[in-house]
């Protein structure tokens, strides 16, 4: 799922449509959130009893997902402004 969303994000980036790109960015964020949930569940189930490792891995992955969410929100707002500024609307 994650690989397919990366491919779609790259493919729609070349098309030049900010609305489609923002939609694919949301799909990519959804895949990243699923990956974070899977990581948390797997570390809880199969990891050692080291809470430091669990906390560190969840913090690093969570920070990456949070940065992606901020970037996606920026893209959505930017595409909204860009489509409102286009002539003929």
PDB file of N, CA and C in Angstrom:
ATOM      1  N   UNK A   1       0.823  -1.184   0.000  1.00  0.00           N
ATOM      2  CA  UNK A   1       0.000   0.000   0.000  1.00  0.00           C
ATOM      3  C   UNK A   1       0.873   1.257   0.000  1.00  0.00           C
ATOM      4  N   UNK A   2       1.921   1.238   0.807  1.00  0.00           N
ATOM      5  CA  UNK A   2       2.796   2.400   0.903  1.00  0.00           C
ATOM      6  C   UNK A   2       3.525   2.630  -0.426  1.00  0.00           C
ATOM      7  N   UNK A   3       4.000   1.552  -1.030  1.00  0.00           N
ATOM      8  CA  UNK A   3       4.715   1.693  -2.297  1.00  0.00           C
ATOM      9  C   UNK A   3       3.793   2.215  -3.398  1.00  0.00           C
ATOM     10  N   UNK A   4       2.570   1.717  -3.425  1.00  0.00           N
ATOM     11  CA  UNK A   4       1.614   2.168  -4.444  1.00  0.00           C
ATOM     12  C   UNK A   4       1.273   3.644  -4.264  1.00  0.00           C
ATOM     13  N   UNK A   5       1.160   4.107  -3.015  1.00  0.00           N
ATOM     14  CA  UNK A   5       0.843   5.515  -2.797  1.00  0.00           C
ATOM     15  C   UNK A   5       2.017   6.410  -3.187  1.00  0.00           C
ATOM     16  N   UNK A   6       3.250   5.919  -3.021  1.00  0.00           N
ATOM     17  CA  UNK A   6       4.422   6.689  -3.459  1.00  0.00           C
ATOM     18  C   UNK A   6       4.442   6.792  -4.982  1.00  0.00           C
ATOM     19  N   UNK A   7       4.139   5.689  -5.658  1.00  0.00           N
ATOM     20  CA  UNK A   7       4.101   5.694  -7.127  1.00  0.00           C
ATOM     21  C   UNK A   7       3.013   6.639  -7.629  1.00  0.00           C
ATOM     22  N   UNK A   8       1.827   6.578  -7.014  1.00  0.00           N
ATOM     23  CA  UNK A   8       0.739   7.474  -7.424  1.00  0.00           C
ATOM     24  C   UNK A   8       1.090   8.933  -7.157  1.00  0.00           C
ATOM     25  N   UNK A   9       1.727   9.210  -6.039  1.00  0.00           N
ATOM     26  CA  UNK A   9       2.120  10.574  -5.713  1.00  0.00           C
ATOM     27  C   UNK A   9       3.093  11.110  -6.762  1.00  0.00           C
ATOM     28  N   UNK A  10       4.041  10.286  -7.168  1.00  0.00           N
ATOM     29  CA  UNK A  10       5.013  10.702  -8.186  1.00  0.00           C
ATOM     30  C   UNK A  10       4.341  10.875  -9.554  1.00  0.00           C
ATOM     31  N   UNK A  11       3.444   9.963  -9.898  1.00  0.00           N
ATOM     32  CA  UNK A  11       2.771  10.021 -11.194  1.00  0.00           C
ATOM     33  C   UNK A  11       1.891  11.269 -11.311  1.00  0.00           C
ATOM     34  N   UNK A  12       1.134  11.577 -10.266  1.00  0.00           N
ATOM     35  CA  UNK A  12       0.238  12.725 -10.320  1.00  0.00           C
ATOM     36  C   UNK A  12       0.997  14.045 -10.179  1.00  0.00           C
ATOM     37  N   UNK A  13       2.204  13.996  -9.635  1.00  0.00           N
ATOM     38  CA  UNK A  13       3.019  15.210  -9.542  1.00  0.00           C
ATOM     39  C   UNK A  13       3.410  15.700 -10.931  1.00  0.00           C
ATOM     40  N   UNK A  14       3.675  14.752 -11.827  1.00  0.00           N
ATOM     41  CA  UNK A  14       4.052  15.115 -13.188  1.00  0.00           C
ATOM     42  C   UNK A  14       2.890  15.692 -13.976  1.00  0.00           C
ATOM     43  N   UNK A  15       1.656  15.400 -13.569  1.00  0.00           N
ATOM     44  CA  UNK A  15       0.485  15.896 -14.302  1.00  0.00           C
ATOM     45  C   UNK A  15       0.274  17.388 -14.103  1.00  0.00           C
ATOM     46  N   UNK A  16       0.715  17.920 -12.968  1.00  0.00           N
ATOM     47  CA  UNK A  16       0.624  19.351 -12.734  1.00  0.00           C
ATOM     48  C   UNK A  16      -0.678  19.832 -12.112  1.00  0.00           C
ATOM     49  N   UNK A  17      -1.557  18.940 -11.745  1.00  0.00           N
ATOM     50  CA  UNK A  17      -2.818  19.339 -11.127  1.00  0.00           C
ATOM     51  C   UNK A  17      -2.652  19.366  -9.610  1.00  0.00           C
ATOM     52  N   UNK A  18      -2.768  20.546  -9.005  1.00  0.00           N
ATOM     53  CA  UNK A  18      -2.566  20.612  -7.553  1.00  0.00           C
ATOM     54  C   UNK A  18      -3.656  19.901  -6.759  1.00  0.00           C
ATOM     55  N   UNK A  19      -4.857  19.825  -7.279  1.00  0.00           N
ATOM     56  CA  UNK A  19      -5.943  19.161  -6.556  1.00  0.00           C
ATOM     57  C   UNK A  19      -5.722  17.652  -6.531  1.00  0.00           C
ATOM     58  N   UNK A  20      -5.358  17.080  -7.657  1.00  0.00           N
ATOM     59  CA  UNK A  20      -5.083  15.649  -7.698  1.00  0.00           C
ATOM     60  C   UNK A  20      -3.862  15.300  -6.850  1.00  0.00           C
ATOM     61  N   UNK A  21      -2.863  16.148  -6.885  1.00  0.00           N
ATOM     62  CA  UNK A  21      -1.668  15.917  -6.091  1.00  0.00           C
ATOM     63  C   UNK A  21      -1.983  15.968  -4.599  1.00  0.00           C
ATOM     64  N   UNK A  22      -2.830  16.890  -4.186  1.00  0.00           N
ATOM     65  CA  UNK A  22      -3.211  16.970  -2.774  1.00  0.00           C
ATOM     66  C   UNK A  22      -3.996  15.728  -2.362  1.00  0.00           C
ATOM     67  N   UNK A  23      -4.840  15.230  -3.224  1.00  0.00           N
ATOM     68  CA  UNK A  23      -5.580  14.004  -2.928  1.00  0.00           C
ATOM     69  C   UNK A  23      -4.663  12.806  -2.768  1.00  0.00           C
ATOM     70  N   UNK A  24      -3.680  12.708  -3.618  1.00  0.00           N
ATOM     71  CA  UNK A  24      -2.729  11.605  -3.510  1.00  0.00           C
ATOM     72  C   UNK A  24      -1.831  11.774  -2.288  1.00  0.00           C
ATOM     73  N   UNK A  25      -1.576  13.005  -1.887  1.00  0.00           N
ATOM     74  CA  UNK A  25      -0.802  13.243  -0.667  1.00  0.00           C
ATOM     75  C   UNK A  25      -1.571  12.755   0.556  1.00  0.00           C
ATOM     76  N   UNK A  26      -2.872  12.948   0.561  1.00  0.00           N
ATOM     77  CA  UNK A  26      -3.701  12.455   1.662  1.00  0.00           C
ATOM     78  C   UNK A  26      -3.674  10.926   1.690  1.00  0.00           C
ATOM     79  N   UNK A  27      -3.691  10.305   0.543  1.00  0.00           N
ATOM     80  CA  UNK A  27      -3.593   8.848   0.463  1.00  0.00           C
ATOM     81  C   UNK A  27      -2.246   8.368   1.003  1.00  0.00           C
ATOM     82  N   UNK A  28      -1.191   9.094   0.685  1.00  0.00           N
ATOM     83  CA  UNK A  28       0.142   8.762   1.174  1.00  0.00           C
ATOM     84  C   UNK A  28       0.209   8.900   2.695  1.00  0.00           C
ATOM     85  N   UNK A  29      -0.413   9.938   3.239  1.00  0.00           N
ATOM     86  CA  UNK A  29      -0.454  10.149   4.679  1.00  0.00           C
ATOM     87  C   UNK A  29      -1.207   9.010   5.356  1.00  0.00           C
ATOM     88  N   UNK A  30      -2.283   8.578   4.746  1.00  0.00           N
ATOM     89  CA  UNK A  30      -3.053   7.464   5.299  1.00  0.00           C
ATOM     90  C   UNK A  30      -2.204   6.198   5.378  1.00  0.00           C
ATOM     91  N   UNK A  31      -1.418   5.942   4.343  1.00  0.00           N
ATOM     92  CA  UNK A  31      -0.528   4.779   4.350  1.00  0.00           C
ATOM     93  C   UNK A  31       0.554   4.922   5.423  1.00  0.00           C
ATOM     94  N   UNK A  32       1.075   6.127   5.612  1.00  0.00           N
ATOM     95  CA  UNK A  32       2.091   6.351   6.637  1.00  0.00           C
ATOM     96  C   UNK A  32       1.519   6.166   8.037  1.00  0.00           C
ATOM     97  N   UNK A  33       0.285   6.604   8.255  1.00  0.00           N
ATOM     98  CA  UNK A  33      -0.368   6.413   9.554  1.00  0.00           C
ATOM     99  C   UNK A  33      -0.593   4.925   9.823  1.00  0.00           C
ATOM    100  N   UNK A  34      -0.964   4.185   8.797  1.00  0.00           N
ATOM    101  CA  UNK A  34      -1.134   2.738   8.951  1.00  0.00           C
ATOM    102  C   UNK A  34       0.189   2.074   9.300  1.00  0.00           C
ATOM    103  N   UNK A  35       1.255   2.537   8.682  1.00  0.00           N
ATOM    104  CA  UNK A  35       2.583   2.005   8.971  1.00  0.00           C
ATOM    105  C   UNK A  35       2.979   2.276  10.422  1.00  0.00           C
ATOM    106  N   UNK A  36       2.670   3.451  10.930  1.00  0.00           N
ATOM    107  CA  UNK A  36       2.959   3.785  12.321  1.00  0.00           C
ATOM    108  C   UNK A  36       2.154   2.896  13.265  1.00  0.00           C
ATOM    109  N   UNK A  37       0.902   2.670  12.965  1.00  0.00           N
ATOM    110  CA  UNK A  37       0.080   1.783  13.790  1.00  0.00           C
ATOM    111  C   UNK A  37       0.590   0.352  13.777  1.00  0.00           C
ATOM    112  N   UNK A  38       1.009  -0.126  12.614  1.00  0.00           N
ATOM    113  CA  UNK A  38       1.562  -1.472  12.502  1.00  0.00           C
ATOM    114  C   UNK A  38       2.857  -1.590  13.290  1.00  0.00           C
ATOM    115  N   UNK A  39       3.702  -0.584  13.195  1.00  0.00           N
ATOM    116  CA  UNK A  39       4.965  -0.601  13.937  1.00  0.00           C
ATOM    117  C   UNK A  39       4.711  -0.665  15.440  1.00  0.00           C
ATOM    118  N   UNK A  40       3.782   0.142  15.914  1.00  0.00           N
ATOM    119  CA  UNK A  40       3.462   0.169  17.339  1.00  0.00           C
ATOM    120  C   UNK A  40       2.946  -1.189  17.806  1.00  0.00           C
ATOM    121  N   UNK A  41       2.061  -1.788  17.028  1.00  0.00           N
ATOM    122  CA  UNK A  41       1.509  -3.091  17.400  1.00  0.00           C
ATOM    123  C   UNK A  41       2.575  -4.179  17.387  1.00  0.00           C
ATOM    124  N   UNK A  42       3.440  -4.157  16.379  1.00  0.00           N
ATOM    125  CA  UNK A  42       4.469  -5.196  16.286  1.00  0.00           C
ATOM    126  C   UNK A  42       5.515  -5.058  17.384  1.00  0.00           C
ATOM    127  N   UNK A  43       5.888  -3.839  17.725  1.00  0.00           N
ATOM    128  CA  UNK A  43       6.856  -3.662  18.809  1.00  0.00           C
ATOM    129  C   UNK A  43       6.247  -4.098  20.137  1.00  0.00           C
ATOM    130  N   UNK A  44       4.976  -3.811  20.337  1.00  0.00           N
ATOM    131  CA  UNK A  44       4.305  -4.233  21.572  1.00  0.00           C
ATOM    132  C   UNK A  44       4.223  -5.749  21.668  1.00  0.00           C
ATOM    133  N   UNK A  45       3.945  -6.398  20.549  1.00  0.00           N
ATOM    134  CA  UNK A  45       3.762  -7.843  20.560  1.00  0.00           C
ATOM    135  C   UNK A  45       5.082  -8.610  20.571  1.00  0.00           C
ATOM    136  N   UNK A  46       6.014  -8.214  19.729  1.00  0.00           N
ATOM    137  CA  UNK A  46       7.218  -9.011  19.530  1.00  0.00           C
ATOM    138  C   UNK A  46       8.476  -8.391  20.123  1.00  0.00           C
ATOM    139  N   UNK A  47       8.401  -7.152  20.550  1.00  0.00           N
ATOM    140  CA  UNK A  47       9.583  -6.483  21.081  1.00  0.00           C
ATOM    141  C   UNK A  47       9.927  -6.946  22.480  1.00  0.00           C
ATOM    142  N   UNK A  48      11.128  -6.610  22.872  1.00  0.00           N
ATOM    143  CA  UNK A  48      11.542  -6.917  24.228  1.00  0.00           C
ATOM    144  C   UNK A  48      10.840  -5.968  25.187  1.00  0.00           C
ATOM    145  N   UNK A  49      11.060  -6.133  26.449  1.00  0.00           N
ATOM    146  CA  UNK A  49      10.388  -5.308  27.447  1.00  0.00           C
ATOM    147  C   UNK A  49      11.065  -3.959  27.640  1.00  0.00           C
ATOM    148  N   UNK A  50      11.849  -3.538  26.668  1.00  0.00           N
ATOM    149  CA  UNK A  50      12.543  -2.261  26.741  1.00  0.00           C
ATOM    150  C   UNK A  50      11.600  -1.142  26.299  1.00  0.00           C
ATOM    151  N   UNK A  51      11.131  -0.367  27.262  1.00  0.00           N
ATOM    152  CA  UNK A  51      10.218   0.719  26.907  1.00  0.00           C
ATOM    153  C   UNK A  51      10.961   1.879  26.257  1.00  0.00           C
ATOM    154  N   UNK A  52      12.271   1.984  26.496  1.00  0.00           N
ATOM    155  CA  UNK A  52      13.053   3.045  25.866  1.00  0.00           C
ATOM    156  C   UNK A  52      13.125   2.880  24.365  1.00  0.00           C
ATOM    157  N   UNK A  53      13.354   1.648  23.900  1.00  0.00           N
ATOM    158  CA  UNK A  53      13.408   1.381  22.461  1.00  0.00           C
ATOM    159  C   UNK A  53      12.063   1.659  21.818  1.00  0.00           C
ATOM    160  N   UNK A  54      10.987   1.198  22.458  1.00  0.00           N
ATOM    161  CA  UNK A  54       9.639   1.404  21.923  1.00  0.00           C
ATOM    162  C   UNK A  54       9.322   2.887  21.819  1.00  0.00           C
ATOM    163  N   UNK A  55       9.649   3.632  22.857  1.00  0.00           N
ATOM    164  CA  UNK A  55       9.381   5.065  22.872  1.00  0.00           C
ATOM    165  C   UNK A  55      10.205   5.779  21.797  1.00  0.00           C
ATOM    166  N   UNK A  56      11.471   5.393  21.657  1.00  0.00           N
ATOM    167  CA  UNK A  56      12.340   6.036  20.671  1.00  0.00           C
ATOM    168  C   UNK A  56      11.866   5.767  19.247  1.00  0.00           C
ATOM    169  N   UNK A  57      11.529   4.528  18.939  1.00  0.00           N
ATOM    170  CA  UNK A  57      11.087   4.196  17.583  1.00  0.00           C
ATOM    171  C   UNK A  57       9.751   4.857  17.251  1.00  0.00           C
ATOM    172  N   UNK A  58       8.840   4.868  18.209  1.00  0.00           N
ATOM    173  CA  UNK A  58       7.559   5.522  17.965  1.00  0.00           C
ATOM    174  C   UNK A  58       7.717   7.031  17.829  1.00  0.00           C
ATOM    175  N   UNK A  59       8.657   7.617  18.560  1.00  0.00           N
ATOM    176  CA  UNK A  59       8.890   9.066  18.447  1.00  0.00           C
ATOM    177  C   UNK A  59       9.478   9.422  17.079  1.00  0.00           C
ATOM    178  N   UNK A  60      10.429   8.638  16.620  1.00  0.00           N
ATOM    179  CA  UNK A  60      11.061   8.926  15.322  1.00  0.00           C
ATOM    180  C   UNK A  60      10.051   8.752  14.187  1.00  0.00           C
ATOM    181  N   UNK A  61       9.348   7.635  14.184  1.00  0.00           N
ATOM    182  CA  UNK A  61       8.368   7.401  13.127  1.00  0.00           C
ATOM    183  C   UNK A  61       7.212   8.389  13.223  1.00  0.00           C
ATOM    184  N   UNK A  62       6.767   8.673  14.435  1.00  0.00           N
ATOM    185  CA  UNK A  62       5.684   9.635  14.627  1.00  0.00           C
ATOM    186  C   UNK A  62       6.059  11.029  14.167  1.00  0.00           C
ATOM    187  N   UNK A  63       7.316  11.431  14.406  1.00  0.00           N
ATOM    188  CA  UNK A  63       7.771  12.749  13.940  1.00  0.00           C
ATOM    189  C   UNK A  63       7.783  12.804  12.413  1.00  0.00           C
ATOM    190  N   UNK A  64       8.191  11.712  11.782  1.00  0.00           N
ATOM    191  CA  UNK A  64       8.181  11.665  10.320  1.00  0.00           C
ATOM    192  C   UNK A  64       6.772  11.753   9.758  1.00  0.00           C
ATOM    193  N   UNK A  65       5.851  11.028  10.357  1.00  0.00           N
ATOM    194  CA  UNK A  65       4.458  11.071   9.911  1.00  0.00           C
ATOM    195  C   UNK A  65       3.868  12.457  10.159  1.00  0.00           C
ATOM    196  N   UNK A  66       4.208  13.056  11.297  1.00  0.00           N
ATOM    197  CA  UNK A  66       3.709  14.399  11.604  1.00  0.00           C
ATOM    198  C   UNK A  66       4.219  15.412  10.568  1.00  0.00           C
ATOM    199  N   UNK A  67       5.474  15.299  10.176  1.00  0.00           N
ATOM    200  CA  UNK A  67       6.020  16.195   9.153  1.00  0.00           C
ATOM    201  C   UNK A  67       5.294  16.002   7.824  1.00  0.00           C
ATOM    202  N   UNK A  68       4.959  14.762   7.494  1.00  0.00           N
ATOM    203  CA  UNK A  68       4.219  14.497   6.260  1.00  0.00           C
ATOM    204  C   UNK A  68       2.814  15.088   6.315  1.00  0.00           C
ATOM    205  N   UNK A  69       2.185  15.031   7.478  1.00  0.00           N
ATOM    206  CA  UNK A  69       0.849  15.607   7.631  1.00  0.00           C
ATOM    207  C   UNK A  69       0.903  17.120   7.447  1.00  0.00           C
ATOM    208  N   UNK A  70       1.896  17.755   8.046  1.00  0.00           N
ATOM    209  CA  UNK A  70       2.045  19.213   7.888  1.00  0.00           C
ATOM    210  C   UNK A  70       2.274  19.564   6.414  1.00  0.00           C
ATOM    211  N   UNK A  71       3.112  18.784   5.736  1.00  0.00           N
ATOM    212  CA  UNK A  71       3.360  19.033   4.317  1.00  0.00           C
ATOM    213  C   UNK A  71       2.087  18.840   3.489  1.00  0.00           C
ATOM    214  N   UNK A  72       1.291  17.832   3.818  1.00  0.00           N
ATOM    215  CA  UNK A  72       0.047  17.597   3.074  1.00  0.00           C
ATOM    216  C   UNK A  72      -0.953  18.723   3.301  1.00  0.00           C
ATOM    217  N   UNK A  73      -1.047  19.224   4.524  1.00  0.00           N
ATOM    218  CA  UNK A  73      -1.950  20.343   4.800  1.00  0.00           C
ATOM    219  C   UNK A  73      -1.505  21.579   4.017  1.00  0.00           C
ATOM    220  N   UNK A  74      -0.200  21.811   3.974  1.00  0.00           N
ATOM    221  CA  UNK A  74       0.323  22.935   3.191  1.00  0.00           C
ATOM    222  C   UNK A  74      -0.038  22.765   1.717  1.00  0.00           C
ATOM    223  N   UNK A  75       0.119  21.548   1.190  1.00  0.00           N
ATOM    224  CA  UNK A  75      -0.193  21.305  -0.215  1.00  0.00           C
ATOM    225  C   UNK A  75      -1.674  21.544  -0.506  1.00  0.00           C
ATOM    226  N   UNK A  76      -2.533  21.122   0.397  1.00  0.00           N
ATOM    227  CA  UNK A  76      -3.966  21.307   0.193  1.00  0.00           C
ATOM    228  C   UNK A  76      -4.318  22.788   0.210  1.00  0.00           C
ATOM    229  N   UNK A  77      -3.773  23.527   1.163  1.00  0.00           N
ATOM    230  CA  UNK A  77      -4.044  24.966   1.222  1.00  0.00           C
ATOM    231  C   UNK A  77      -3.477  25.690   0.006  1.00  0.00           C
ATOM    232  N   UNK A  78      -2.285  25.293  -0.423  1.00  0.00           N
ATOM    233  CA  UNK A  78      -1.662  25.907  -1.592  1.00  0.00           C
ATOM    234  C   UNK A  78      -2.480  25.616  -2.851  1.00  0.00           C
ATOM    235  N   UNK A  79      -2.961  24.394  -2.996  1.00  0.00           N
ATOM    236  CA  UNK A  79      -3.751  24.060  -4.187  1.00  0.00           C
ATOM    237  C   UNK A  79      -5.086  24.801  -4.178  1.00  0.00           C
ATOM    238  N   UNK A  80      -5.636  25.010  -2.989  1.00  0.00           N
ATOM    239  CA  UNK A  80      -6.894  25.758  -2.900  1.00  0.00           C
ATOM    240  C   UNK A  80      -6.696  27.204  -3.343  1.00  0.00           C
ATOM    241  N   UNK A  81      -5.620  27.819  -2.868  1.00  0.00           N
ATOM    242  CA  UNK A  81      -5.330  29.200  -3.286  1.00  0.00           C
ATOM    243  C   UNK A  81      -5.048  29.280  -4.774  1.00  0.00           C
ATOM    244  N   UNK A  82      -4.311  28.300  -5.278  1.00  0.00           N
ATOM    245  CA  UNK A  82      -3.937  28.324  -6.692  1.00  0.00           C
ATOM    246  C   UNK A  82      -5.148  28.160  -7.599  1.00  0.00           C
ATOM    247  N   UNK A  83      -6.083  27.310  -7.213  1.00  0.00           N
ATOM    248  CA  UNK A  83      -7.271  27.126  -8.055  1.00  0.00           C
ATOM    249  C   UNK A  83      -8.204  28.337  -7.964  1.00  0.00           C
ATOM    250  N   UNK A  84      -8.199  29.043  -6.849  1.00  0.00           N
ATOM    251  CA  UNK A  84      -9.029  30.247  -6.737  1.00  0.00           C
ATOM    252  C   UNK A  84      -8.450  31.402  -7.536  1.00  0.00           C
ATOM    253  N   UNK A  85      -7.142  31.433  -7.731  1.00  0.00           N
ATOM    254  CA  UNK A  85      -6.490  32.521  -8.455  1.00  0.00           C
ATOM    255  C   UNK A  85      -6.521  32.322  -9.953  1.00  0.00           C
ATOM    256  N   UNK A  86      -6.814  31.115 -10.440  1.00  0.00           N
ATOM    257  CA  UNK A  86      -6.805  30.852 -11.875  1.00  0.00           C
ATOM    258  C   UNK A  86      -7.913  31.623 -12.562  1.00  0.00           C
ATOM    259  N   UNK A  87      -7.604  32.213 -13.711  1.00  0.00           N
ATOM    260  CA  UNK A  87      -8.653  32.930 -14.465  1.00  0.00           C
ATOM    261  C   UNK A  87      -9.663  31.938 -15.031  1.00  0.00           C
ATOM    262  N   UNK A  88     -10.891  32.406 -15.145  1.00  0.00           N
ATOM    263  CA  UNK A  88     -11.935  31.558 -15.691  1.00  0.00           C
ATOM    264  C   UNK A  88     -12.700  30.800 -14.634  1.00  0.00           C
ATOM    265  N   UNK A  89     -12.413  31.043 -13.401  1.00  0.00           N
ATOM    266  CA  UNK A  89     -13.118  30.347 -12.306  1.00  0.00           C
ATOM    267  C   UNK A  89     -14.266  31.185 -11.839  1.00  0.00           C
TER     268      UNK A  89
END
